[in-house]
Amino acid sequence: MANAGLQLLGFILAFLGWIGSIVSTALPQWKIYSYAGDNIVTAQAIYEGLWMSCVSQSTGQIQCKVFDSLLNLNSTLQATRALMVIGILLGLIAIFVATVGMKCMKCMEDDEVQKMRMAVFGGVIFLIAGLAVLVATAWYGNRIVQEFYDPMTPVNARYEFGQALFTGWAAASLCLLGGALLCCSCPRKTTSYPTPRPYPKPAPSSGKDYV
């Protein structure tokens, strides 16, 4: 029962991490304009994501512009896009695989060992998906830090971490934790003992009594 509860907890955490990865990929607030410097413009907020850049006015009006050319984007943004999409697709595969291996499901009830192996395999895929999201968000965040402290970057062109970046880090952590819990349901190897040899049967009595 405890193992089934551990499986369910791991699946829920990993599933929430997968949802967080989708939300993080769709949000445009991967980096937000830094108001550090003398020329501070508080009437508008500028932020940028993986797919578009937006400007939010103090009146509540938001204007967004989708990135036109894929080839015109920098390599960091292209790699981040690819890794986030790969993490989402791997998470979707892991959901189906882990669902088959869950003890609360009726699939593959006849083979308990194979069923547990499916749960472990789903956990491994969740781990890979979490690593892909973690690498993507860490890579993008490192680029923001480098540009912020680069003396060649103008003060009015510096950005800081956005909400979507923190969401991606939380999603990657949930995927890794959930996948690790699913991997804990690995079937234990049964110890094999040699087959006991039968004792020799006593010879039948001949009916004669010896003195």
Protein backbone atom coordinates (compact mmCIF):
# COMPACT_ATOMS: atom_id res chain seq x y z
CA MET A 1 0.00 0.00 0.00
CA ALA A 2 2.85 2.36 0.84
CA ASN A 3 4.46 1.65 -2.54
CA ALA A 4 1.18 2.45 -4.32
CA GLY A 5 0.90 5.73 -2.42
CA LEU A 6 4.48 6.61 -3.39
CA GLN A 7 3.68 5.89 -7.01
CA LEU A 8 0.57 8.07 -6.93
CA LEU A 9 2.44 10.94 -5.26
CA GLY A 10 5.23 10.77 -7.82
CA PHE A 11 2.79 10.71 -10.72
CA ILE A 12 0.85 13.73 -9.39
CA LEU A 13 4.04 15.76 -8.84
CA ALA A 14 5.39 14.89 -12.28
CA PHE A 15 2.04 15.68 -13.91
CA LEU A 16 1.95 19.08 -12.22
CA GLY A 17 5.50 19.69 -13.42
CA TRP A 18 4.43 18.85 -16.97
CA ILE A 19 1.54 21.33 -16.76
CA GLY A 20 3.97 23.93 -15.41
CA SER A 21 6.28 23.33 -18.37
CA ILE A 22 3.45 24.06 -20.79
CA VAL A 23 2.50 27.22 -18.88
CA SER A 24 6.10 28.39 -18.75
CA THR A 25 6.58 27.84 -22.49
CA ALA A 26 3.43 29.78 -23.36
CA LEU A 27 4.01 32.75 -21.03
CA PRO A 28 5.75 35.80 -22.55
CA GLN A 29 7.42 36.91 -19.29
CA TRP A 30 10.71 35.06 -19.65
CA LYS A 31 12.64 38.27 -19.16
CA ILE A 32 11.33 41.66 -18.06
CA TYR A 33 12.77 45.11 -18.49
CA SER A 34 15.08 46.17 -15.67
CA TYR A 35 14.35 49.60 -14.21
CA ALA A 36 17.95 50.05 -13.08
CA GLY A 37 19.48 53.32 -14.20
CA ASP A 38 18.71 57.00 -14.52
CA ASN A 39 16.29 56.85 -17.44
CA ILE A 40 13.45 54.98 -15.75
CA VAL A 41 10.18 54.68 -17.62
CA THR A 42 7.49 53.44 -15.26
CA ALA A 43 4.59 54.15 -17.60
CA GLN A 44 5.17 50.88 -19.46
CA ALA A 45 6.50 47.39 -18.78
CA ILE A 46 8.50 45.58 -21.44
CA TYR A 47 8.89 41.81 -21.35
CA GLU A 48 9.89 39.09 -23.75
CA GLY A 49 9.22 35.38 -24.09
CA LEU A 50 10.08 32.50 -26.39
CA TRP A 51 7.53 33.43 -29.02
CA MET A 52 6.82 37.17 -28.70
CA SER A 53 7.74 40.46 -27.07
CA CYS A 54 5.12 42.60 -25.32
CA VAL A 55 4.71 46.10 -23.99
CA SER A 56 2.19 46.77 -21.22
CA GLN A 57 1.03 50.34 -20.75
CA SER A 58 0.02 51.84 -17.42
CA THR A 59 -3.51 52.19 -18.81
CA GLY A 60 -3.78 48.39 -19.04
CA GLN A 61 -3.29 48.15 -22.79
CA ILE A 62 -0.96 45.35 -23.90
CA GLN A 63 0.68 45.19 -27.32
CA CYS A 64 2.52 42.04 -28.37
CA LYS A 65 4.57 41.27 -31.46
CA VAL A 66 5.30 37.72 -32.51
CA PHE A 67 8.85 37.00 -33.64
CA ASP A 68 8.74 37.02 -37.42
CA SER A 69 11.72 34.98 -38.59
CA LEU A 70 12.95 31.81 -36.93
CA LEU A 71 16.38 32.03 -38.53
CA ASN A 72 16.82 35.60 -37.33
CA LEU A 73 16.61 34.56 -33.67
CA ASN A 74 19.71 34.03 -31.55
CA SER A 75 20.96 30.52 -30.85
CA THR A 76 20.02 30.63 -27.16
CA LEU A 77 16.38 31.33 -27.92
CA GLN A 78 16.23 28.63 -30.58
CA ALA A 79 17.81 26.04 -28.27
CA THR A 80 15.50 27.02 -25.42
CA ARG A 81 12.46 26.62 -27.65
CA ALA A 82 13.62 23.19 -28.81
CA LEU A 83 14.41 21.92 -25.31
CA MET A 84 11.08 23.11 -23.88
CA VAL A 85 9.11 21.46 -26.69
CA ILE A 86 11.12 18.25 -26.28
CA GLY A 87 10.47 18.30 -22.52
CA ILE A 88 6.73 18.71 -23.08
CA LEU A 89 6.57 15.88 -25.63
CA LEU A 90 8.61 13.56 -23.39
CA GLY A 91 6.33 14.41 -20.48
CA LEU A 92 3.29 13.46 -22.54
CA ILE A 93 4.85 10.10 -23.39
CA ALA A 94 5.80 9.57 -19.74
CA ILE A 95 2.21 10.19 -18.64
CA PHE A 96 0.87 7.37 -20.84
CA VAL A 97 3.67 4.96 -19.91
CA ALA A 98 3.45 5.65 -16.17
CA THR A 99 -0.36 5.37 -16.22
CA VAL A 100 -0.09 1.81 -17.50
CA GLY A 101 2.30 0.93 -14.68
CA MET A 102 0.26 2.46 -11.85
CA LYS A 103 -1.03 -0.05 -9.33
CA CYS A 104 -4.41 1.67 -9.21
CA MET A 105 -4.95 0.88 -12.92
CA LYS A 106 -6.31 -2.38 -14.28
CA CYS A 107 -3.83 -2.65 -17.14
CA MET A 108 -1.36 -5.57 -17.07
CA GLU A 109 -2.66 -6.99 -13.79
CA ASP A 110 -1.52 -10.49 -14.72
CA ASP A 111 2.19 -9.53 -14.84
CA GLU A 112 2.98 -7.51 -11.71
CA VAL A 113 6.71 -7.26 -12.41
CA GLN A 114 6.21 -5.96 -15.94
CA LYS A 115 3.63 -3.49 -14.65
CA MET A 116 6.10 -2.08 -12.12
CA ARG A 117 8.75 -1.84 -14.80
CA MET A 118 6.40 0.30 -16.88
CA ALA A 119 6.01 2.68 -13.92
CA VAL A 120 9.78 2.88 -13.54
CA PHE A 121 10.21 3.49 -17.27
CA GLY A 122 7.67 6.31 -17.08
CA GLY A 123 9.62 7.78 -14.18
CA VAL A 124 12.84 7.69 -16.20
CA ILE A 125 11.17 9.56 -19.07
CA PHE A 126 9.88 12.14 -16.57
CA LEU A 127 13.45 12.59 -15.33
CA ILE A 128 14.69 13.19 -18.88
CA ALA A 129 11.86 15.66 -19.51
CA GLY A 130 12.67 17.50 -16.29
CA LEU A 131 16.34 17.70 -17.24
CA ALA A 132 15.43 19.15 -20.64
CA VAL A 133 13.29 21.86 -19.03
CA LEU A 134 15.95 22.56 -16.40
CA VAL A 135 18.71 22.93 -19.00
CA ALA A 136 16.52 25.22 -21.13
CA THR A 137 15.58 27.55 -18.27
CA ALA A 138 19.09 27.58 -16.78
CA TRP A 139 20.64 28.33 -20.17
CA TYR A 140 18.19 31.19 -20.82
CA GLY A 141 18.69 32.58 -17.31
CA ASN A 142 22.47 32.47 -17.69
CA ARG A 143 22.17 34.48 -20.90
CA ILE A 144 20.12 37.14 -19.08
CA VAL A 145 22.76 37.39 -16.35
CA GLN A 146 25.59 37.71 -18.88
CA GLU A 147 23.81 40.46 -20.78
CA PHE A 148 22.89 42.29 -17.58
CA TYR A 149 26.47 42.48 -16.32
CA ASP A 150 27.99 43.05 -19.75
CA PRO A 151 29.45 46.58 -19.76
CA MET A 152 28.70 46.84 -23.49
CA THR A 153 24.94 46.44 -22.85
CA PRO A 154 23.19 49.82 -22.51
CA VAL A 155 21.50 50.47 -19.19
CA ASN A 156 18.14 50.98 -20.86
CA ALA A 157 18.43 47.58 -22.62
CA ARG A 158 18.98 45.31 -19.61
CA TYR A 159 16.52 42.65 -18.53
CA GLU A 160 15.92 40.56 -15.42
CA PHE A 161 14.33 37.18 -14.69
CA GLY A 162 10.63 36.96 -15.50
CA GLN A 163 7.80 34.97 -13.93
CA ALA A 164 7.87 32.34 -16.68
CA LEU A 165 11.48 31.53 -15.87
CA PHE A 166 10.66 30.83 -12.22
CA THR A 167 7.67 28.75 -13.33
CA GLY A 168 9.98 26.70 -15.54
CA TRP A 169 12.40 26.06 -12.67
CA ALA A 170 9.54 24.93 -10.42
CA ALA A 171 8.16 22.70 -13.19
CA ALA A 172 11.54 21.07 -13.77
CA SER A 173 11.90 20.40 -10.03
CA LEU A 174 8.47 18.76 -9.86
CA CYS A 175 9.21 16.57 -12.88
CA LEU A 176 12.52 15.45 -11.41
CA LEU A 177 11.03 14.76 -7.99
CA GLY A 178 8.01 12.94 -9.38
CA GLY A 179 10.15 10.87 -11.74
CA ALA A 180 12.47 9.91 -8.89
CA LEU A 181 9.53 8.75 -6.78
CA LEU A 182 8.22 6.66 -9.66
CA CYS A 183 11.64 5.08 -10.07
CA CYS A 184 11.52 4.04 -6.40
CA SER A 185 8.84 1.49 -7.32
CA CYS A 186 11.44 -0.66 -9.05
CA PRO A 187 10.62 -4.36 -8.55
CA ARG A 188 12.90 -6.14 -6.14
CA LYS A 189 14.82 -9.13 -7.34
CA THR A 190 13.58 -12.33 -5.77
CA THR A 191 16.26 -14.54 -4.26
CA SER A 192 16.36 -17.92 -6.01
CA TYR A 193 17.13 -20.95 -3.91
CA PRO A 194 18.27 -24.30 -5.34
CA THR A 195 15.60 -26.94 -5.65
CA PRO A 196 15.88 -29.39 -2.73
CA ARG A 197 16.83 -32.90 -3.70
CA PRO A 198 14.33 -35.57 -2.75
CA TYR A 199 15.42 -38.02 -0.11
CA PRO A 200 15.97 -41.61 -1.33
CA LYS A 201 13.08 -43.88 -0.60
CA PRO A 202 13.80 -46.85 1.72
CA ALA A 203 14.07 -50.22 0.07
CA PRO A 204 10.92 -52.39 0.38
CA SER A 205 11.02 -55.06 3.05
CA SER A 206 11.48 -58.65 1.83
CA GLY A 207 9.37 -60.11 4.63
CA LYS A 208 12.23 -62.02 6.30
CA ASP A 209 13.35 -61.19 9.81
CA TYR A 210 17.07 -61.31 10.44
CA VAL A 211 18.49 -61.96 13.89
